[in-house]
C-alpha atoms as a PDB file:
ATOM      1  CA  UNK A   1      11.321  98.525  46.512  1.00  0.00           C
ATOM      2  CA  UNK A   2       7.895  99.144  45.065  1.00  0.00           C
ATOM      3  CA  UNK A   3       6.055  97.085  42.696  1.00  0.00           C
ATOM      4  CA  UNK A   4       6.218  98.030  39.077  1.00  0.00           C
ATOM      5  CA  UNK A   5       4.160  98.029  35.914  1.00  0.00           C
ATOM      6  CA  UNK A   6       3.966  95.074  33.484  1.00  0.00           C
ATOM      7  CA  UNK A   7       2.863  91.450  33.805  1.00  0.00           C
ATOM      8  CA  UNK A   8       2.938  90.586  37.592  1.00  0.00           C
ATOM      9  CA  UNK A   9       0.689  87.459  37.795  1.00  0.00           C
ATOM     10  CA  UNK A  10       1.829  84.322  39.448  1.00  0.00           C
ATOM     11  CA  UNK A  11       2.192  82.440  36.058  1.00  0.00           C
ATOM     12  CA  UNK A  12       4.645  84.880  34.659  1.00  0.00           C
ATOM     13  CA  UNK A  13       6.745  84.646  37.771  1.00  0.00           C
ATOM     14  CA  UNK A  14       6.702  80.965  37.897  1.00  0.00           C
ATOM     15  CA  UNK A  15       7.685  80.693  34.115  1.00  0.00           C
ATOM     16  CA  UNK A  16      10.607  83.100  34.767  1.00  0.00           C
ATOM     17  CA  UNK A  17      11.885  81.231  37.807  1.00  0.00           C
ATOM     18  CA  UNK A  18      11.597  77.898  35.919  1.00  0.00           C
ATOM     19  CA  UNK A  19      13.523  79.219  32.897  1.00  0.00           C
ATOM     20  CA  UNK A  20      16.181  80.940  35.148  1.00  0.00           C
ATOM     21  CA  UNK A  21      16.566  77.821  37.278  1.00  0.00           C
ATOM     22  CA  UNK A  22      16.941  75.496  34.293  1.00  0.00           C
ATOM     23  CA  UNK A  23      19.472  77.621  32.620  1.00  0.00           C
ATOM     24  CA  UNK A  24      21.581  77.854  35.808  1.00  0.00           C
ATOM     25  CA  UNK A  25      21.269  73.982  36.500  1.00  0.00           C
ATOM     26  CA  UNK A  26      21.974  72.820  32.853  1.00  0.00           C
ATOM     27  CA  UNK A  27      24.869  75.231  32.294  1.00  0.00           C
ATOM     28  CA  UNK A  28      26.424  74.256  35.673  1.00  0.00           C
ATOM     29  CA  UNK A  29      26.071  70.560  34.576  1.00  0.00           C
ATOM     30  CA  UNK A  30      28.506  71.207  31.678  1.00  0.00           C
ATOM     31  CA  UNK A  31      31.386  71.280  33.885  1.00  0.00           C
ATOM     32  CA  UNK A  32      30.941  67.550  34.794  1.00  0.00           C
ATOM     33  CA  UNK A  33      30.050  66.657  31.270  1.00  0.00           C
ATOM     34  CA  UNK A  34      33.297  68.301  29.844  1.00  0.00           C
ATOM     35  CA  UNK A  35      35.374  66.634  32.606  1.00  0.00           C
ATOM     36  CA  UNK A  36      33.955  63.117  32.001  1.00  0.00           C
ATOM     37  CA  UNK A  37      34.229  63.533  28.130  1.00  0.00           C
ATOM     38  CA  UNK A  38      37.915  64.606  28.414  1.00  0.00           C
ATOM     39  CA  UNK A  39      39.085  62.407  31.239  1.00  0.00           C
ATOM     40  CA  UNK A  40      37.150  59.245  29.997  1.00  0.00           C
ATOM     41  CA  UNK A  41      36.124  58.624  33.743  1.00  0.00           C
ATOM     42  CA  UNK A  42      32.697  57.630  34.921  1.00  0.00           C
ATOM     43  CA  UNK A  43      32.500  59.647  38.114  1.00  0.00           C
ATOM     44  CA  UNK A  44      34.353  62.561  39.798  1.00  0.00           C
ATOM     45  CA  UNK A  45      34.614  64.599  43.129  1.00  0.00           C
ATOM     46  CA  UNK A  46      35.287  68.202  43.377  1.00  0.00           C
ATOM     47  CA  UNK A  47      39.022  67.562  44.041  1.00  0.00           C
ATOM     48  CA  UNK A  48      39.216  65.742  40.570  1.00  0.00           C
ATOM     49  CA  UNK A  49      37.884  68.762  38.749  1.00  0.00           C
ATOM     50  CA  UNK A  50      40.341  71.157  40.477  1.00  0.00           C
ATOM     51  CA  UNK A  51      43.115  68.895  39.793  1.00  0.00           C
ATOM     52  CA  UNK A  52      42.077  68.435  36.050  1.00  0.00           C
ATOM     53  CA  UNK A  53      41.175  71.927  35.035  1.00  0.00           C
ATOM     54  CA  UNK A  54      43.395  73.907  37.661  1.00  0.00           C
ATOM     55  CA  UNK A  55      41.943  76.335  40.277  1.00  0.00           C
ATOM     56  CA  UNK A  56      41.438  79.308  38.018  1.00  0.00           C
ATOM     57  CA  UNK A  57      39.760  77.451  34.994  1.00  0.00           C
ATOM     58  CA  UNK A  58      37.503  75.450  37.468  1.00  0.00           C
ATOM     59  CA  UNK A  59      36.663  78.742  39.206  1.00  0.00           C
ATOM     60  CA  UNK A  60      35.611  80.282  35.969  1.00  0.00           C
ATOM     61  CA  UNK A  61      33.581  77.229  35.009  1.00  0.00           C
ATOM     62  CA  UNK A  62      31.872  77.548  38.327  1.00  0.00           C
ATOM     63  CA  UNK A  63      30.948  81.155  37.719  1.00  0.00           C
ATOM     64  CA  UNK A  64      30.075  81.036  34.107  1.00  0.00           C
ATOM     65  CA  UNK A  65      26.553  79.606  34.581  1.00  0.00           C
ATOM     66  CA  UNK A  66      25.631  82.690  36.446  1.00  0.00           C
ATOM     67  CA  UNK A  67      26.056  84.788  33.367  1.00  0.00           C
ATOM     68  CA  UNK A  68      23.691  82.421  31.504  1.00  0.00           C
ATOM     69  CA  UNK A  69      21.243  82.653  34.283  1.00  0.00           C
ATOM     70  CA  UNK A  70      21.434  86.487  34.539  1.00  0.00           C
ATOM     71  CA  UNK A  71      20.770  86.700  30.716  1.00  0.00           C
ATOM     72  CA  UNK A  72      17.840  84.424  31.076  1.00  0.00           C
ATOM     73  CA  UNK A  73      16.370  86.365  33.903  1.00  0.00           C
ATOM     74  CA  UNK A  74      16.669  89.710  32.160  1.00  0.00           C
ATOM     75  CA  UNK A  75      15.222  88.188  28.932  1.00  0.00           C
ATOM     76  CA  UNK A  76      12.192  86.873  30.818  1.00  0.00           C
ATOM     77  CA  UNK A  77      11.612  90.197  32.666  1.00  0.00           C
ATOM     78  CA  UNK A  78      11.875  92.102  29.348  1.00  0.00           C
ATOM     79  CA  UNK A  79       9.805  89.831  27.163  1.00  0.00           C
ATOM     80  CA  UNK A  80       7.476  87.848  29.569  1.00  0.00           C
ATOM     81  CA  UNK A  81       6.816  90.556  32.200  1.00  0.00           C
ATOM     82  CA  UNK A  82       7.074  93.349  29.656  1.00  0.00           C
ATOM     83  CA  UNK A  83       9.010  95.376  32.141  1.00  0.00           C
ATOM     84  CA  UNK A  84      11.937  97.813  31.919  1.00  0.00           C
ATOM     85  CA  UNK A  85      14.774  95.747  33.440  1.00  0.00           C
ATOM     86  CA  UNK A  86      15.909  98.936  35.176  1.00  0.00           C
ATOM     87  CA  UNK A  87      13.335  98.378  37.894  1.00  0.00           C
ATOM     88  CA  UNK A  88      15.262  95.219  38.936  1.00  0.00           C
ATOM     89  CA  UNK A  89      18.271  97.386  39.768  1.00  0.00           C
ATOM     90  CA  UNK A  90      16.980 100.526  41.086  1.00  0.00           C
ATOM     91  CA  UNK A  91      13.597 102.624  41.637  1.00  0.00           C
ATOM     92  CA  UNK A  92      15.620 105.937  41.261  1.00  0.00           C
ATOM     93  CA  UNK A  93      16.258 107.670  37.953  1.00  0.00           C
ATOM     94  CA  UNK A  94      19.364 105.807  37.424  1.00  0.00           C
ATOM     95  CA  UNK A  95      21.767 103.226  39.117  1.00  0.00           C
ATOM     96  CA  UNK A  96      23.484 105.205  42.028  1.00  0.00           C
ATOM     97  CA  UNK A  97      26.995 104.300  41.854  1.00  0.00           C
ATOM     98  CA  UNK A  98      27.822 106.413  44.959  1.00  0.00           C
ATOM     99  CA  UNK A  99      25.591 104.265  47.114  1.00  0.00           C
ATOM    100  CA  UNK A 100      27.273 101.123  45.676  1.00  0.00           C
ATOM    101  CA  UNK A 101      30.724 102.497  46.348  1.00  0.00           C
ATOM    102  CA  UNK A 102      29.879 103.553  49.890  1.00  0.00           C
ATOM    103  CA  UNK A 103      28.650 100.187  50.736  1.00  0.00           C
ATOM    104  CA  UNK A 104      31.566  98.480  48.964  1.00  0.00           C
ATOM    105  CA  UNK A 105      34.146 100.476  50.930  1.00  0.00           C
ATOM    106  CA  UNK A 106      32.479 100.253  54.325  1.00  0.00           C
ATOM    107  CA  UNK A 107      32.037  96.603  54.329  1.00  0.00           C
ATOM    108  CA  UNK A 108      35.294  96.133  52.700  1.00  0.00           C
ATOM    109  CA  UNK A 109      37.033  98.113  55.483  1.00  0.00           C
ATOM    110  CA  UNK A 110      35.329  96.059  58.191  1.00  0.00           C
ATOM    111  CA  UNK A 111      36.600  92.740  56.541  1.00  0.00           C
ATOM    112  CA  UNK A 112      40.028  94.185  56.455  1.00  0.00           C
ATOM    113  CA  UNK A 113      39.838  94.916  60.242  1.00  0.00           C
ATOM    114  CA  UNK A 114      38.319  91.373  60.796  1.00  0.00           C
ATOM    115  CA  UNK A 115      41.359  89.952  58.858  1.00  0.00           C
ATOM    116  CA  UNK A 116      43.896  91.986  60.869  1.00  0.00           C
ATOM    117  CA  UNK A 117      42.314  90.866  64.106  1.00  0.00           C
ATOM    118  CA  UNK A 118      42.322  87.223  63.011  1.00  0.00           C
ATOM    119  CA  UNK A 119      46.006  87.521  62.031  1.00  0.00           C
ATOM    120  CA  UNK A 120      47.486  89.526  64.911  1.00  0.00           C
ATOM    121  CA  UNK A 121      45.272  89.077  67.778  1.00  0.00           C
ATOM    122  CA  UNK A 122      43.910  85.616  67.568  1.00  0.00           C
ATOM    123  CA  UNK A 123      46.993  84.141  65.784  1.00  0.00           C
ATOM    124  CA  UNK A 124      45.025  82.111  63.234  1.00  0.00           C
ATOM    125  CA  UNK A 125      47.200  79.941  60.901  1.00  0.00           C
ATOM    126  CA  UNK A 126      46.941  82.278  57.946  1.00  0.00           C
ATOM    127  CA  UNK A 127      49.768  81.902  55.521  1.00  0.00           C
ATOM    128  CA  UNK A 128      50.993  84.166  52.634  1.00  0.00           C
ATOM    129  CA  UNK A 129      49.804  82.349  49.420  1.00  0.00           C
ATOM    130  CA  UNK A 130      50.662  84.842  46.654  1.00  0.00           C
ATOM    131  CA  UNK A 131      51.646  83.295  43.200  1.00  0.00           C
ATOM    132  CA  UNK A 132      51.864  85.985  40.545  1.00  0.00           C
ATOM    133  CA  UNK A 133      51.328  83.225  37.769  1.00  0.00           C
ATOM    134  CA  UNK A 134      47.986  82.337  38.980  1.00  0.00           C
ATOM    135  CA  UNK A 135      46.905  85.619  40.910  1.00  0.00           C
ATOM    136  CA  UNK A 136      46.778  87.999  37.824  1.00  0.00           C
ATOM    137  CA  UNK A 137      44.316  85.578  36.043  1.00  0.00           C
ATOM    138  CA  UNK A 138      42.253  85.126  39.241  1.00  0.00           C
ATOM    139  CA  UNK A 139      42.005  88.949  39.463  1.00  0.00           C
ATOM    140  CA  UNK A 140      40.525  89.193  35.937  1.00  0.00           C
ATOM    141  CA  UNK A 141      38.091  86.294  36.481  1.00  0.00           C
ATOM    142  CA  UNK A 142      37.011  87.538  39.989  1.00  0.00           C
ATOM    143  CA  UNK A 143      36.383  91.126  38.910  1.00  0.00           C
ATOM    144  CA  UNK A 144      34.316  90.062  35.862  1.00  0.00           C
ATOM    145  CA  UNK A 145      32.610  86.895  36.800  1.00  0.00           C
ATOM    146  CA  UNK A 146      32.327  87.365  40.632  1.00  0.00           C
ATOM    147  CA  UNK A 147      30.688  90.648  39.846  1.00  0.00           C
ATOM    148  CA  UNK A 148      28.272  88.825  37.459  1.00  0.00           C
ATOM    149  CA  UNK A 149      27.524  85.985  39.935  1.00  0.00           C
ATOM    150  CA  UNK A 150      26.797  88.542  42.760  1.00  0.00           C
ATOM    151  CA  UNK A 151      24.746  90.690  40.478  1.00  0.00           C
ATOM    152  CA  UNK A 152      22.582  87.779  39.449  1.00  0.00           C
ATOM    153  CA  UNK A 153      21.839  86.891  43.017  1.00  0.00           C
ATOM    154  CA  UNK A 154      21.022  90.539  43.942  1.00  0.00           C
ATOM    155  CA  UNK A 155      18.798  91.043  40.939  1.00  0.00           C
ATOM    156  CA  UNK A 156      17.048  87.602  41.497  1.00  0.00           C
ATOM    157  CA  UNK A 157      16.453  87.898  45.217  1.00  0.00           C
ATOM    158  CA  UNK A 158      16.498  91.694  46.024  1.00  0.00           C
ATOM    159  CA  UNK A 159      15.210  92.787  42.682  1.00  0.00           C
ATOM    160  CA  UNK A 160      12.905  90.296  40.962  1.00  0.00           C
ATOM    161  CA  UNK A 161      11.518  88.292  43.854  1.00  0.00           C
ATOM    162  CA  UNK A 162      11.471  90.991  46.561  1.00  0.00           C
ATOM    163  CA  UNK A 163       9.238  93.001  44.177  1.00  0.00           C
ATOM    164  CA  UNK A 164       7.063  90.030  43.584  1.00  0.00           C
ATOM    165  CA  UNK A 165       6.548  89.392  47.123  1.00  0.00           C
ATOM    166  CA  UNK A 166       5.788  92.949  47.765  1.00  0.00           C
ATOM    167  CA  UNK A 167       2.851  92.613  45.412  1.00  0.00           C
ATOM    168  CA  UNK A 168       1.723  89.378  47.026  1.00  0.00           C
ATOM    169  CA  UNK A 169       1.966  90.109  50.770  1.00  0.00           C
ATOM    170  CA  UNK A 170       0.125  92.669  52.757  1.00  0.00           C
ATOM    171  CA  UNK A 171       3.195  93.585  54.793  1.00  0.00           C
ATOM    172  CA  UNK A 172       6.629  94.502  53.506  1.00  0.00           C
ATOM    173  CA  UNK A 173       8.378  92.602  56.230  1.00  0.00           C
ATOM    174  CA  UNK A 174       6.659  89.482  55.061  1.00  0.00           C
ATOM    175  CA  UNK A 175       8.127  90.199  51.576  1.00  0.00           C
ATOM    176  CA  UNK A 176      11.636  90.623  53.158  1.00  0.00           C
ATOM    177  CA  UNK A 177      11.357  87.365  55.022  1.00  0.00           C
ATOM    178  CA  UNK A 178      10.121  85.389  52.142  1.00  0.00           C
ATOM    179  CA  UNK A 179      12.899  86.474  49.697  1.00  0.00           C
ATOM    180  CA  UNK A 180      15.444  85.933  52.380  1.00  0.00           C
ATOM    181  CA  UNK A 181      14.278  82.349  53.043  1.00  0.00           C
ATOM    182  CA  UNK A 182      14.747  81.546  49.358  1.00  0.00           C
ATOM    183  CA  UNK A 183      18.173  83.137  49.572  1.00  0.00           C
ATOM    184  CA  UNK A 184      19.253  80.979  52.461  1.00  0.00           C
ATOM    185  CA  UNK A 185      17.757  77.809  50.864  1.00  0.00           C
ATOM    186  CA  UNK A 186      19.846  78.464  47.697  1.00  0.00           C
ATOM    187  CA  UNK A 187      22.917  77.930  49.754  1.00  0.00           C
ATOM    188  CA  UNK A 188      21.760  74.604  51.017  1.00  0.00           C
ATOM    189  CA  UNK A 189      24.309  72.537  48.797  1.00  0.00           C
ATOM    190  CA  UNK A 190      27.220  74.729  49.938  1.00  0.00           C
ATOM    191  CA  UNK A 191      30.063  72.747  51.438  1.00  0.00           C
ATOM    192  CA  UNK A 192      29.501  74.920  54.758  1.00  0.00           C
ATOM    193  CA  UNK A 193      26.166  73.083  55.173  1.00  0.00           C
ATOM    194  CA  UNK A 194      27.863  69.617  55.243  1.00  0.00           C
ATOM    195  CA  UNK A 195      30.547  70.911  57.573  1.00  0.00           C
ATOM    196  CA  UNK A 196      28.593  72.915  60.121  1.00  0.00           C
ATOM    197  CA  UNK A 197      25.052  71.543  59.616  1.00  0.00           C
ATOM    198  CA  UNK A 198      21.941  73.199  58.293  1.00  0.00           C
ATOM    199  CA  UNK A 199      21.687  75.565  61.198  1.00  0.00           C
ATOM    200  CA  UNK A 200      24.363  77.649  59.471  1.00  0.00           C
ATOM    201  CA  UNK A 201      21.647  78.748  57.080  1.00  0.00           C
ATOM    202  CA  UNK A 202      20.606  81.239  59.843  1.00  0.00           C
ATOM    203  CA  UNK A 203      23.680  83.224  58.970  1.00  0.00           C
ATOM    204  CA  UNK A 204      22.501  83.344  55.267  1.00  0.00           C
ATOM    205  CA  UNK A 205      18.949  84.182  56.408  1.00  0.00           C
ATOM    206  CA  UNK A 206      19.959  87.023  58.677  1.00  0.00           C
ATOM    207  CA  UNK A 207      22.419  88.360  55.962  1.00  0.00           C
ATOM    208  CA  UNK A 208      19.582  88.171  53.420  1.00  0.00           C
ATOM    209  CA  UNK A 209      17.140  90.015  55.612  1.00  0.00           C
ATOM    210  CA  UNK A 210      19.728  92.760  56.173  1.00  0.00           C
ATOM    211  CA  UNK A 211      20.372  92.990  52.397  1.00  0.00           C
ATOM    212  CA  UNK A 212      16.656  92.989  51.648  1.00  0.00           C
ATOM    213  CA  UNK A 213      15.974  95.616  54.214  1.00  0.00           C
ATOM    214  CA  UNK A 214      18.541  98.090  52.924  1.00  0.00           C
ATOM    215  CA  UNK A 215      17.280  97.333  49.263  1.00  0.00           C
ATOM    216  CA  UNK A 216      13.724  98.296  50.175  1.00  0.00           C
ATOM    217  CA  UNK A 217      14.585 101.301  52.204  1.00  0.00           C
ATOM    218  CA  UNK A 218      17.322 102.432  49.643  1.00  0.00           C
ATOM    219  CA  UNK A 219      14.837 101.902  46.806  1.00  0.00           C
ATOM    220  CA  UNK A 220      17.552  99.886  44.799  1.00  0.00           C
ATOM    221  CA  UNK A 221      20.032  97.031  45.047  1.00  0.00           C
ATOM    222  CA  UNK A 222      23.077  99.477  44.894  1.00  0.00           C
ATOM    223  CA  UNK A 223      23.905  99.117  48.762  1.00  0.00           C
ATOM    224  CA  UNK A 224      23.207  95.393  48.860  1.00  0.00           C
ATOM    225  CA  UNK A 225      25.290  94.861  45.693  1.00  0.00           C
ATOM    226  CA  UNK A 226      28.222  96.785  47.032  1.00  0.00           C
ATOM    227  CA  UNK A 227      28.139  94.842  50.266  1.00  0.00           C
ATOM    228  CA  UNK A 228      27.709  91.548  48.674  1.00  0.00           C
ATOM    229  CA  UNK A 229      30.353  92.062  45.900  1.00  0.00           C
ATOM    230  CA  UNK A 230      33.117  93.093  48.331  1.00  0.00           C
ATOM    231  CA  UNK A 231      32.265  90.154  50.646  1.00  0.00           C
ATOM    232  CA  UNK A 232      32.719  87.658  47.687  1.00  0.00           C
ATOM    233  CA  UNK A 233      35.812  89.338  46.298  1.00  0.00           C
ATOM    234  CA  UNK A 234      37.392  89.245  49.639  1.00  0.00           C
ATOM    235  CA  UNK A 235      36.818  85.500  49.987  1.00  0.00           C
ATOM    236  CA  UNK A 236      38.287  84.831  46.486  1.00  0.00           C
ATOM    237  CA  UNK A 237      41.020  87.335  46.198  1.00  0.00           C
ATOM    238  CA  UNK A 238      42.245  88.071  49.705  1.00  0.00           C
ATOM    239  CA  UNK A 239      41.662  85.101  52.117  1.00  0.00           C
ATOM    240  CA  UNK A 240      40.640  81.505  51.050  1.00  0.00           C
ATOM    241  CA  UNK A 241      40.702  78.168  52.828  1.00  0.00           C
ATOM    242  CA  UNK A 242      40.353  74.422  51.850  1.00  0.00           C
ATOM    243  CA  UNK A 243      36.685  73.993  52.607  1.00  0.00           C
ATOM    244  CA  UNK A 244      34.687  76.849  51.210  1.00  0.00           C
ATOM    245  CA  UNK A 245      32.606  76.820  47.893  1.00  0.00           C
ATOM    246  CA  UNK A 246      35.173  78.638  45.971  1.00  0.00           C
ATOM    247  CA  UNK A 247      38.741  77.331  46.035  1.00  0.00           C
ATOM    248  CA  UNK A 248      41.144  79.955  44.681  1.00  0.00           C
ATOM    249  CA  UNK A 249      44.822  81.086  44.812  1.00  0.00           C
ATOM    250  CA  UNK A 250      44.067  84.033  46.998  1.00  0.00           C
ATOM    251  CA  UNK A 251      46.713  86.189  48.570  1.00  0.00           C
ATOM    252  CA  UNK A 252      46.367  84.419  51.917  1.00  0.00           C
ATOM    253  CA  UNK A 253      45.322  81.037  52.973  1.00  0.00           C
ATOM    254  CA  UNK A 254      43.628  80.078  56.296  1.00  0.00           C
ATOM    255  CA  UNK A 255      44.782  76.589  57.490  1.00  0.00           C
ATOM    256  CA  UNK A 256      42.768  76.438  60.681  1.00  0.00           C
ATOM    257  CA  UNK A 257      40.030  73.826  60.816  1.00  0.00           C
ATOM    258  CA  UNK A 258      36.613  74.787  59.955  1.00  0.00           C
ATOM    259  CA  UNK A 259      34.791  76.507  62.833  1.00  0.00           C
ATOM    260  CA  UNK A 260      32.087  79.029  63.652  1.00  0.00           C
ATOM    261  CA  UNK A 261      34.421  81.830  64.965  1.00  0.00           C
ATOM    262  CA  UNK A 262      33.703  85.121  66.586  1.00  0.00           C
ATOM    263  CA  UNK A 263      33.780  87.115  63.383  1.00  0.00           C
ATOM    264  CA  UNK A 264      30.436  85.461  62.240  1.00  0.00           C
ATOM    265  CA  UNK A 265      28.652  86.580  65.508  1.00  0.00           C
ATOM    266  CA  UNK A 266      30.165  90.033  65.475  1.00  0.00           C
ATOM    267  CA  UNK A 267      28.978  90.425  61.853  1.00  0.00           C
ATOM    268  CA  UNK A 268      25.406  89.309  62.474  1.00  0.00           C
ATOM    269  CA  UNK A 269      24.720  91.090  65.722  1.00  0.00           C
ATOM    270  CA  UNK A 270      27.209  94.109  65.733  1.00  0.00           C
ATOM    271  CA  UNK A 271      28.453  94.983  62.279  1.00  0.00           C
ATOM    272  CA  UNK A 272      25.126  94.608  60.573  1.00  0.00           C
ATOM    273  CA  UNK A 273      23.316  96.826  62.949  1.00  0.00           C
ATOM    274  CA  UNK A 274      26.040  99.474  62.837  1.00  0.00           C
ATOM    275  CA  UNK A 275      26.052  99.559  59.065  1.00  0.00           C
ATOM    276  CA  UNK A 276      22.202  99.775  58.960  1.00  0.00           C
ATOM    277  CA  UNK A 277      22.386 102.615  61.527  1.00  0.00           C
ATOM    278  CA  UNK A 278      25.049 104.349  59.284  1.00  0.00           C
ATOM    279  CA  UNK A 279      22.938 104.009  56.191  1.00  0.00           C
ATOM    280  CA  UNK A 280      19.794 105.218  58.011  1.00  0.00           C
ATOM    281  CA  UNK A 281      21.755 108.387  59.100  1.00  0.00           C
ATOM    282  CA  UNK A 282      23.232 108.954  55.637  1.00  0.00           C
ATOM    283  CA  UNK A 283      20.048 108.469  53.643  1.00  0.00           C
ATOM    284  CA  UNK A 284      17.458 109.700  56.313  1.00  0.00           C
ATOM    285  CA  UNK A 285      15.625 106.428  56.215  1.00  0.00           C
ATOM    286  CA  UNK A 286      12.196 105.840  57.984  1.00  0.00           C
ATOM    287  CA  UNK A 287      12.484 102.456  59.523  1.00  0.00           C
ATOM    288  CA  UNK A 288       8.649 102.260  59.826  1.00  0.00           C
ATOM    289  CA  UNK A 289       8.397 101.767  56.165  1.00  0.00           C
ATOM    290  CA  UNK A 290       9.460  98.187  56.486  1.00  0.00           C
ATOM    291  CA  UNK A 291       6.297  97.420  58.662  1.00  0.00           C
ATOM    292  CA  UNK A 292       3.940  99.448  56.593  1.00  0.00           C
END
């Protein structure tokens, strides 16, 4: 994505990042504050929160801060940077929902094939977990607030920060790498890091590089948002486990121990390149633009 008009000085970017980060941190802290106030306890673990609120309410409380952070970010872009917030979403005349849908369906189809392979070929201990009393509310929460959470991350990293780095760095690939490193570091507190070690951040880094590249070449976050959203919805509505960051009453539950399985490596080194090639052919991209 190209740089845009408005205030693009370092101070404005720092102020916006500080305000956005503080809004996310303070609103996230409300979960613990509410729990301690209602339970009259002095400390808690994640399991205590899930048990106290229930999975759906706790899930909603986990996601709500992203709405506050998104509003804060858009407010700062509008009134501190004096920019039209549309430029965070697309450089085209309008947001291209067709591009969003293509990416959503393509990656969703691949995730479904991976799921079938895990279930039928590799015989993973995946069990039917459907409970209508919980699932209907989970669907509402997911389609609204997972969309908001995903949109916030895309607008922040592939919209706001990527554009800022494109202004600051002499090469576009440097801007892609810088925004992707920050995206990976944002996931440092995820449970996966404690389980697998910090090297799993490589997965987030390569994923972020892929998303930033298709954002830059596609001149908007539509493709990245479609990919990211269906990926998150799949993990909250279709297949869950006992150790990921969001614990939900999804349709299926994977009871296998935490491990780095074949699907991670296939995604990084086969599926991502295949998707990139499909997008390149569909939208007639010139890859050299990344290195300009």
